[in-house]
């Protein structure tokens, strides 16, 4: 996964956790604008989320953060 995409995912997870606590869930759509101008990145995350890791639509932000950081 591209470093800038990893950073975006971490930033979004951190913001969600800070706002709503450790129990907050995220979808891979949370990392993109409503009008997505980076479809290749969207597909990269979708493949990582759905195909590679077989994650549910909503997952805990702390889990996704740990996975991106390589802690899980």
C-alpha atoms as a PDB file:
ATOM      1  CA  UNK A   1       0.000   0.000   0.000  1.00  0.00           C
ATOM      2  CA  UNK A   2       1.252   3.461  -0.886  1.00  0.00           C
ATOM      3  CA  UNK A   3       2.809   5.424   2.022  1.00  0.00           C
ATOM      4  CA  UNK A   4       0.535   8.444   1.517  1.00  0.00           C
ATOM      5  CA  UNK A   5      -2.502   6.179   1.586  1.00  0.00           C
ATOM      6  CA  UNK A   6      -1.289   4.525   4.799  1.00  0.00           C
ATOM      7  CA  UNK A   7      -0.845   7.989   6.334  1.00  0.00           C
ATOM      8  CA  UNK A   8      -4.377   8.996   5.314  1.00  0.00           C
ATOM      9  CA  UNK A   9      -5.835   5.840   6.873  1.00  0.00           C
ATOM     10  CA  UNK A  10      -3.921   6.425  10.109  1.00  0.00           C
ATOM     11  CA  UNK A  11      -4.990  10.088  10.220  1.00  0.00           C
ATOM     12  CA  UNK A  12      -8.665   9.212   9.685  1.00  0.00           C
ATOM     13  CA  UNK A  13      -8.549   6.459  12.307  1.00  0.00           C
ATOM     14  CA  UNK A  14      -6.835   8.764  14.801  1.00  0.00           C
ATOM     15  CA  UNK A  15      -9.429  11.496  14.224  1.00  0.00           C
ATOM     16  CA  UNK A  16     -12.358   9.081  14.586  1.00  0.00           C
ATOM     17  CA  UNK A  17     -10.885   7.552  17.756  1.00  0.00           C
ATOM     18  CA  UNK A  18     -10.233  11.003  19.245  1.00  0.00           C
ATOM     19  CA  UNK A  19     -13.773  12.098  18.430  1.00  0.00           C
ATOM     20  CA  UNK A  20     -15.757   8.991  19.399  1.00  0.00           C
ATOM     21  CA  UNK A  21     -13.462   6.699  21.398  1.00  0.00           C
ATOM     22  CA  UNK A  22     -11.847   3.295  20.916  1.00  0.00           C
ATOM     23  CA  UNK A  23     -15.140   1.609  20.034  1.00  0.00           C
ATOM     24  CA  UNK A  24     -15.755   3.629  16.854  1.00  0.00           C
ATOM     25  CA  UNK A  25     -16.085   1.728  13.595  1.00  0.00           C
ATOM     26  CA  UNK A  26     -14.876   2.699  10.137  1.00  0.00           C
ATOM     27  CA  UNK A  27     -15.529   1.566   6.602  1.00  0.00           C
ATOM     28  CA  UNK A  28     -12.901   1.773   3.885  1.00  0.00           C
ATOM     29  CA  UNK A  29     -15.063   4.500   2.331  1.00  0.00           C
ATOM     30  CA  UNK A  30     -14.148   6.752   5.280  1.00  0.00           C
ATOM     31  CA  UNK A  31     -10.732   7.343   3.740  1.00  0.00           C
ATOM     32  CA  UNK A  32     -12.085   8.989   0.587  1.00  0.00           C
ATOM     33  CA  UNK A  33     -14.097  12.019  -0.487  1.00  0.00           C
ATOM     34  CA  UNK A  34     -17.719  11.586  -1.534  1.00  0.00           C
ATOM     35  CA  UNK A  35     -16.711  12.352  -5.109  1.00  0.00           C
ATOM     36  CA  UNK A  36     -13.686  10.130  -5.394  1.00  0.00           C
ATOM     37  CA  UNK A  37     -10.979  11.572  -7.608  1.00  0.00           C
ATOM     38  CA  UNK A  38      -8.565   8.690  -6.899  1.00  0.00           C
ATOM     39  CA  UNK A  39     -10.320   5.506  -8.039  1.00  0.00           C
ATOM     40  CA  UNK A  40      -7.065   3.518  -8.159  1.00  0.00           C
ATOM     41  CA  UNK A  41      -6.480   4.213  -4.451  1.00  0.00           C
ATOM     42  CA  UNK A  42     -10.079   3.318  -3.647  1.00  0.00           C
ATOM     43  CA  UNK A  43      -9.674  -0.022  -5.384  1.00  0.00           C
ATOM     44  CA  UNK A  44      -6.346  -0.599  -3.638  1.00  0.00           C
ATOM     45  CA  UNK A  45      -7.946  -0.136  -0.227  1.00  0.00           C
ATOM     46  CA  UNK A  46     -11.034  -2.127  -1.221  1.00  0.00           C
ATOM     47  CA  UNK A  47      -8.858  -5.054  -2.303  1.00  0.00           C
ATOM     48  CA  UNK A  48      -6.786  -4.851   0.896  1.00  0.00           C
ATOM     49  CA  UNK A  49      -9.961  -4.637   3.024  1.00  0.00           C
ATOM     50  CA  UNK A  50     -12.229  -7.139   1.281  1.00  0.00           C
ATOM     51  CA  UNK A  51     -10.118  -9.549  -0.704  1.00  0.00           C
ATOM     52  CA  UNK A  52      -6.868  -9.731   1.274  1.00  0.00           C
ATOM     53  CA  UNK A  53      -8.165  -9.471   4.847  1.00  0.00           C
ATOM     54  CA  UNK A  54     -11.859 -10.368   4.398  1.00  0.00           C
ATOM     55  CA  UNK A  55     -12.922  -7.639   6.805  1.00  0.00           C
ATOM     56  CA  UNK A  56     -16.538  -6.744   7.554  1.00  0.00           C
ATOM     57  CA  UNK A  57     -18.011  -3.554   6.130  1.00  0.00           C
ATOM     58  CA  UNK A  58     -17.466  -1.806   9.485  1.00  0.00           C
ATOM     59  CA  UNK A  59     -14.424  -2.551  11.613  1.00  0.00           C
ATOM     60  CA  UNK A  60     -13.038  -0.918  14.727  1.00  0.00           C
ATOM     61  CA  UNK A  61     -10.757   1.993  13.872  1.00  0.00           C
ATOM     62  CA  UNK A  62      -8.221   0.754  16.445  1.00  0.00           C
ATOM     63  CA  UNK A  63      -8.074  -2.608  14.635  1.00  0.00           C
ATOM     64  CA  UNK A  64      -7.506  -1.001  11.233  1.00  0.00           C
ATOM     65  CA  UNK A  65      -4.891   1.325  12.703  1.00  0.00           C
ATOM     66  CA  UNK A  66      -3.035  -1.630  14.251  1.00  0.00           C
ATOM     67  CA  UNK A  67      -3.169  -3.539  10.964  1.00  0.00           C
ATOM     68  CA  UNK A  68      -1.773  -0.591   8.988  1.00  0.00           C
ATOM     69  CA  UNK A  69       0.966  -0.102  11.576  1.00  0.00           C
ATOM     70  CA  UNK A  70       1.803  -3.816  11.354  1.00  0.00           C
ATOM     71  CA  UNK A  71       0.834  -4.534  14.957  1.00  0.00           C
ATOM     72  CA  UNK A  72      -1.783  -7.145  14.147  1.00  0.00           C
END
